[in-house]
Amino acid sequence: MSWKHFNTETETLEISGYLPTELERFHAVVMDEDTWYNEIRRPGKDYAVRVNKFLDGLLAILKFWEEKETCLIYPYMYILHIDLAEDKKTALVSLQRTHSYEFVFKNVEIPFE
């Protein structure tokens, strides 16, 4: 899965970055590219620690919700929204159903630092 943006000069869609495989399972991931590259995966020697901490937190939340939301075993039926909290050290994650656009949960905090 990748981020794509529309290049107004060439009038084409271009890939601007890639997501880890854990996020590829979802129908869509709605996240600002800067959130991933400049905060969660910010360059530096500890970027892998931040990414792993975020992904571990996300997988723990999804595992918890699998008991209440049985269709969660099919992540392609959901849209994952990821935003940043004001401190820019915590992600706010929401999960939305693709068939009804209802949210399963909204703004669950996942620290990555």
N, C-alpha and C. Protein backbone atom coordinates (compact mmCIF):
# COMPACT_ATOMS: atom_id res chain seq x y z
N MET A 1 0.86 -1.16 0.00
CA MET A 1 0.00 0.00 0.00
C MET A 1 0.91 1.22 0.00
N SER A 2 0.47 2.26 -0.66
CA SER A 2 1.30 3.45 -0.74
C SER A 2 0.45 4.71 -0.69
N TRP A 3 1.13 5.81 -0.40
CA TRP A 3 0.48 7.11 -0.52
C TRP A 3 0.59 7.53 -1.95
N LYS A 4 -0.44 8.13 -2.44
CA LYS A 4 -0.41 8.66 -3.80
C LYS A 4 -0.86 10.11 -3.75
N HIS A 5 -0.28 10.90 -4.58
CA HIS A 5 -0.73 12.28 -4.71
C HIS A 5 -0.85 12.63 -6.18
N PHE A 6 -1.67 13.63 -6.45
CA PHE A 6 -1.89 14.05 -7.82
C PHE A 6 -0.89 15.12 -8.18
N ASN A 7 -0.08 14.87 -9.19
CA ASN A 7 0.89 15.83 -9.67
C ASN A 7 0.18 16.73 -10.68
N THR A 8 0.01 17.99 -10.32
CA THR A 8 -0.74 18.91 -11.19
C THR A 8 0.02 19.25 -12.46
N GLU A 9 1.35 19.15 -12.42
CA GLU A 9 2.13 19.45 -13.63
C GLU A 9 1.99 18.37 -14.68
N THR A 10 2.07 17.10 -14.26
CA THR A 10 1.97 16.00 -15.21
C THR A 10 0.55 15.44 -15.30
N GLU A 11 -0.31 15.88 -14.37
CA GLU A 11 -1.69 15.41 -14.28
C GLU A 11 -1.77 13.89 -14.15
N THR A 12 -0.91 13.35 -13.28
CA THR A 12 -0.91 11.92 -13.02
C THR A 12 -0.83 11.67 -11.52
N LEU A 13 -1.25 10.47 -11.10
CA LEU A 13 -1.07 10.04 -9.71
C LEU A 13 0.34 9.49 -9.55
N GLU A 14 1.00 9.89 -8.48
CA GLU A 14 2.36 9.43 -8.23
C GLU A 14 2.45 8.84 -6.83
N ILE A 15 3.24 7.79 -6.70
CA ILE A 15 3.48 7.19 -5.39
C ILE A 15 4.49 8.05 -4.65
N SER A 16 4.17 8.38 -3.40
CA SER A 16 5.09 9.22 -2.64
C SER A 16 5.65 8.51 -1.41
N GLY A 17 5.21 7.31 -1.11
CA GLY A 17 5.74 6.58 0.03
C GLY A 17 5.00 5.27 0.25
N TYR A 18 5.58 4.41 1.06
CA TYR A 18 5.00 3.09 1.31
C TYR A 18 4.70 2.89 2.79
N LEU A 19 3.71 2.06 3.07
CA LEU A 19 3.32 1.72 4.44
C LEU A 19 3.83 0.33 4.80
N PRO A 20 3.99 0.05 6.09
CA PRO A 20 4.39 -1.30 6.48
C PRO A 20 3.28 -2.31 6.20
N THR A 21 3.66 -3.57 6.10
CA THR A 21 2.71 -4.62 5.72
C THR A 21 1.56 -4.76 6.70
N GLU A 22 1.78 -4.42 7.99
CA GLU A 22 0.69 -4.52 8.97
C GLU A 22 -0.49 -3.62 8.63
N LEU A 23 -0.23 -2.56 7.91
CA LEU A 23 -1.30 -1.63 7.54
C LEU A 23 -1.91 -1.93 6.17
N GLU A 24 -1.26 -2.79 5.40
CA GLU A 24 -1.74 -3.10 4.06
C GLU A 24 -3.05 -3.89 4.06
N ARG A 25 -3.40 -4.51 5.18
CA ARG A 25 -4.58 -5.37 5.23
C ARG A 25 -5.88 -4.58 5.16
N PHE A 26 -5.83 -3.29 5.48
CA PHE A 26 -7.05 -2.49 5.55
C PHE A 26 -7.49 -2.01 4.18
N HIS A 27 -8.79 -1.76 4.06
CA HIS A 27 -9.34 -1.23 2.80
C HIS A 27 -8.63 0.07 2.44
N ALA A 28 -8.44 0.92 3.43
CA ALA A 28 -7.72 2.18 3.24
C ALA A 28 -7.14 2.62 4.57
N VAL A 29 -6.05 3.36 4.49
CA VAL A 29 -5.46 3.99 5.66
C VAL A 29 -5.46 5.49 5.39
N VAL A 30 -6.15 6.23 6.24
CA VAL A 30 -6.23 7.68 6.08
C VAL A 30 -5.26 8.30 7.08
N MET A 31 -4.18 8.83 6.54
CA MET A 31 -3.15 9.41 7.40
C MET A 31 -2.35 10.40 6.57
N ASP A 32 -2.03 11.52 7.17
CA ASP A 32 -1.18 12.49 6.51
C ASP A 32 0.22 11.88 6.35
N GLU A 33 0.78 12.01 5.19
CA GLU A 33 2.10 11.45 4.94
C GLU A 33 3.13 11.98 5.94
N ASP A 34 3.01 13.24 6.32
CA ASP A 34 3.95 13.81 7.29
C ASP A 34 3.83 13.15 8.66
N THR A 35 2.63 12.70 9.02
CA THR A 35 2.45 12.00 10.29
C THR A 35 3.34 10.78 10.34
N TRP A 36 3.40 10.03 9.26
CA TRP A 36 4.20 8.82 9.23
C TRP A 36 5.70 9.14 9.11
N TYR A 37 6.07 9.92 8.11
CA TYR A 37 7.48 10.14 7.83
C TYR A 37 8.17 11.14 8.74
N ASN A 38 7.45 12.13 9.26
CA ASN A 38 8.10 13.15 10.09
C ASN A 38 7.88 12.96 11.58
N GLU A 39 6.99 12.07 11.97
CA GLU A 39 6.74 11.86 13.40
C GLU A 39 6.96 10.40 13.80
N ILE A 40 6.10 9.50 13.33
CA ILE A 40 6.21 8.10 13.75
C ILE A 40 7.50 7.48 13.22
N ARG A 41 7.79 7.69 11.96
CA ARG A 41 9.00 7.10 11.35
C ARG A 41 10.06 8.18 11.13
N ARG A 42 10.12 9.13 12.02
CA ARG A 42 11.06 10.23 11.93
C ARG A 42 12.49 9.70 11.82
N PRO A 43 13.27 10.24 10.92
CA PRO A 43 14.65 9.77 10.77
C PRO A 43 15.43 9.88 12.08
N GLY A 44 16.29 8.95 12.27
CA GLY A 44 17.12 8.90 13.49
C GLY A 44 17.39 7.47 13.85
N LYS A 45 18.26 7.28 14.80
CA LYS A 45 18.68 5.92 15.14
C LYS A 45 17.57 5.11 15.81
N ASP A 46 16.56 5.78 16.37
CA ASP A 46 15.51 5.04 17.08
C ASP A 46 14.18 4.98 16.32
N TYR A 47 14.21 5.23 15.01
CA TYR A 47 12.95 5.22 14.25
C TYR A 47 12.28 3.85 14.29
N ALA A 48 13.05 2.78 14.27
CA ALA A 48 12.46 1.43 14.29
C ALA A 48 11.75 1.18 15.62
N VAL A 49 12.27 1.73 16.70
CA VAL A 49 11.64 1.58 18.01
C VAL A 49 10.27 2.26 18.01
N ARG A 50 10.19 3.48 17.45
CA ARG A 50 8.92 4.20 17.39
C ARG A 50 7.91 3.47 16.53
N VAL A 51 8.34 3.00 15.36
CA VAL A 51 7.44 2.29 14.45
C VAL A 51 6.93 1.01 15.12
N ASN A 52 7.82 0.24 15.71
CA ASN A 52 7.42 -1.01 16.36
C ASN A 52 6.49 -0.76 17.54
N LYS A 53 6.76 0.27 18.32
CA LYS A 53 5.90 0.59 19.45
C LYS A 53 4.50 0.97 18.96
N PHE A 54 4.42 1.75 17.90
CA PHE A 54 3.13 2.12 17.33
C PHE A 54 2.39 0.89 16.80
N LEU A 55 3.07 0.07 16.02
CA LEU A 55 2.43 -1.12 15.45
C LEU A 55 2.01 -2.11 16.52
N ASP A 56 2.82 -2.30 17.55
CA ASP A 56 2.45 -3.19 18.66
C ASP A 56 1.20 -2.67 19.36
N GLY A 57 1.13 -1.36 19.59
CA GLY A 57 -0.04 -0.76 20.22
C GLY A 57 -1.28 -0.91 19.36
N LEU A 58 -1.12 -0.70 18.06
CA LEU A 58 -2.25 -0.84 17.14
C LEU A 58 -2.75 -2.28 17.13
N LEU A 59 -1.86 -3.24 17.03
CA LEU A 59 -2.27 -4.64 16.99
C LEU A 59 -2.93 -5.06 18.30
N ALA A 60 -2.48 -4.53 19.43
CA ALA A 60 -3.11 -4.84 20.72
C ALA A 60 -4.54 -4.30 20.77
N ILE A 61 -4.75 -3.10 20.26
CA ILE A 61 -6.10 -2.52 20.24
C ILE A 61 -7.01 -3.32 19.33
N LEU A 62 -6.51 -3.69 18.16
CA LEU A 62 -7.32 -4.47 17.22
C LEU A 62 -7.66 -5.84 17.81
N LYS A 63 -6.72 -6.45 18.50
CA LYS A 63 -6.97 -7.75 19.14
C LYS A 63 -8.07 -7.61 20.19
N PHE A 64 -8.02 -6.54 20.98
CA PHE A 64 -9.05 -6.29 21.99
C PHE A 64 -10.43 -6.14 21.33
N TRP A 65 -10.50 -5.42 20.23
CA TRP A 65 -11.79 -5.17 19.58
C TRP A 65 -12.31 -6.36 18.78
N GLU A 66 -11.46 -7.34 18.46
CA GLU A 66 -11.92 -8.52 17.72
C GLU A 66 -13.03 -9.26 18.44
N GLU A 67 -13.02 -9.23 19.77
CA GLU A 67 -14.07 -9.92 20.52
C GLU A 67 -15.43 -9.23 20.37
N LYS A 68 -15.42 -7.92 20.24
CA LYS A 68 -16.66 -7.15 20.11
C LYS A 68 -17.09 -6.98 18.67
N GLU A 69 -16.14 -6.95 17.78
CA GLU A 69 -16.38 -6.70 16.36
C GLU A 69 -15.85 -7.90 15.60
N THR A 70 -16.68 -8.93 15.47
CA THR A 70 -16.21 -10.20 14.92
C THR A 70 -15.72 -10.09 13.48
N CYS A 71 -16.23 -9.15 12.73
CA CYS A 71 -15.80 -8.99 11.33
C CYS A 71 -14.39 -8.44 11.22
N LEU A 72 -13.80 -8.05 12.35
CA LEU A 72 -12.46 -7.48 12.33
C LEU A 72 -11.41 -8.49 11.86
N ILE A 73 -11.79 -9.76 11.80
CA ILE A 73 -10.85 -10.74 11.24
C ILE A 73 -10.66 -10.51 9.75
N TYR A 74 -11.50 -9.66 9.16
CA TYR A 74 -11.38 -9.26 7.75
C TYR A 74 -11.06 -7.77 7.70
N PRO A 75 -9.79 -7.38 7.93
CA PRO A 75 -9.47 -5.95 8.02
C PRO A 75 -9.75 -5.18 6.73
N TYR A 76 -9.83 -5.87 5.59
CA TYR A 76 -10.11 -5.17 4.34
C TYR A 76 -11.52 -4.57 4.33
N MET A 77 -12.32 -4.87 5.34
CA MET A 77 -13.67 -4.31 5.44
C MET A 77 -13.68 -3.03 6.28
N TYR A 78 -12.49 -2.49 6.60
CA TYR A 78 -12.39 -1.34 7.49
C TYR A 78 -11.44 -0.28 6.94
N ILE A 79 -11.70 0.94 7.34
CA ILE A 79 -10.83 2.07 7.02
C ILE A 79 -10.16 2.49 8.32
N LEU A 80 -8.86 2.58 8.30
CA LEU A 80 -8.09 2.96 9.48
C LEU A 80 -7.70 4.43 9.36
N HIS A 81 -8.04 5.22 10.36
CA HIS A 81 -7.69 6.65 10.40
C HIS A 81 -6.60 6.84 11.46
N ILE A 82 -5.53 7.52 11.09
CA ILE A 82 -4.44 7.78 12.03
C ILE A 82 -4.12 9.27 11.99
N ASP A 83 -4.15 9.88 13.17
CA ASP A 83 -3.84 11.30 13.31
C ASP A 83 -2.87 11.45 14.48
N LEU A 84 -2.40 12.67 14.72
CA LEU A 84 -1.50 12.92 15.83
C LEU A 84 -2.19 13.70 16.93
N ALA A 85 -1.84 13.39 18.17
CA ALA A 85 -2.27 14.20 19.30
C ALA A 85 -1.42 15.47 19.30
N GLU A 86 -1.83 16.44 20.10
CA GLU A 86 -1.10 17.71 20.13
C GLU A 86 0.35 17.55 20.54
N ASP A 87 0.66 16.58 21.39
CA ASP A 87 2.04 16.40 21.85
C ASP A 87 2.95 15.82 20.78
N LYS A 88 2.38 15.34 19.69
CA LYS A 88 3.10 14.72 18.57
C LYS A 88 3.95 13.53 19.01
N LYS A 89 3.56 12.91 20.13
CA LYS A 89 4.22 11.70 20.59
C LYS A 89 3.22 10.57 20.74
N THR A 90 1.97 10.86 20.35
CA THR A 90 0.88 9.90 20.48
C THR A 90 0.04 9.94 19.21
N ALA A 91 -0.29 8.77 18.70
CA ALA A 91 -1.18 8.68 17.54
C ALA A 91 -2.61 8.52 18.04
N LEU A 92 -3.53 9.11 17.31
CA LEU A 92 -4.97 8.93 17.57
C LEU A 92 -5.52 8.07 16.45
N VAL A 93 -6.00 6.89 16.82
CA VAL A 93 -6.42 5.91 15.82
C VAL A 93 -7.93 5.70 15.90
N SER A 94 -8.56 5.66 14.73
CA SER A 94 -9.99 5.39 14.62
C SER A 94 -10.19 4.30 13.57
N LEU A 95 -11.22 3.50 13.76
CA LEU A 95 -11.53 2.42 12.82
C LEU A 95 -12.97 2.58 12.35
N GLN A 96 -13.15 2.57 11.04
CA GLN A 96 -14.45 2.81 10.43
C GLN A 96 -14.84 1.64 9.53
N ARG A 97 -16.10 1.25 9.58
CA ARG A 97 -16.59 0.19 8.70
C ARG A 97 -16.76 0.74 7.28
N THR A 98 -16.40 -0.06 6.28
CA THR A 98 -16.55 0.41 4.90
C THR A 98 -17.98 0.30 4.40
N HIS A 99 -18.74 -0.66 4.92
CA HIS A 99 -20.10 -0.87 4.40
C HIS A 99 -21.11 0.11 4.97
N SER A 100 -20.91 0.62 6.17
CA SER A 100 -21.88 1.54 6.76
C SER A 100 -21.26 2.88 7.14
N TYR A 101 -19.95 2.98 7.07
CA TYR A 101 -19.18 4.18 7.44
C TYR A 101 -19.34 4.56 8.91
N GLU A 102 -19.84 3.63 9.73
CA GLU A 102 -19.90 3.86 11.17
C GLU A 102 -18.53 3.58 11.76
N PHE A 103 -18.22 4.28 12.83
CA PHE A 103 -16.94 4.06 13.50
C PHE A 103 -17.08 2.95 14.54
N VAL A 104 -16.13 2.05 14.55
CA VAL A 104 -16.05 1.02 15.57
C VAL A 104 -15.49 1.67 16.84
N PHE A 105 -14.43 2.44 16.69
CA PHE A 105 -13.88 3.25 17.78
C PHE A 105 -13.23 4.49 17.18
N LYS A 106 -13.12 5.53 18.00
CA LYS A 106 -12.54 6.79 17.53
C LYS A 106 -11.50 7.31 18.52
N ASN A 107 -10.44 7.82 17.96
CA ASN A 107 -9.39 8.53 18.70
C ASN A 107 -8.83 7.77 19.90
N VAL A 108 -8.52 6.52 19.69
CA VAL A 108 -7.83 5.73 20.71
C VAL A 108 -6.35 6.11 20.64
N GLU A 109 -5.78 6.41 21.78
CA GLU A 109 -4.40 6.88 21.82
C GLU A 109 -3.41 5.72 21.82
N ILE A 110 -2.39 5.87 20.98
CA ILE A 110 -1.29 4.91 20.93
C ILE A 110 0.01 5.71 21.01
N PRO A 111 0.70 5.66 22.15
CA PRO A 111 1.98 6.36 22.25
C PRO A 111 3.04 5.64 21.41
N PHE A 112 3.90 6.41 20.78
CA PHE A 112 4.97 5.78 20.02
C PHE A 112 6.35 6.29 20.47
N GLU A 113 6.38 7.11 21.49
CA GLU A 113 7.67 7.56 22.06
C GLU A 113 7.70 7.25 23.53
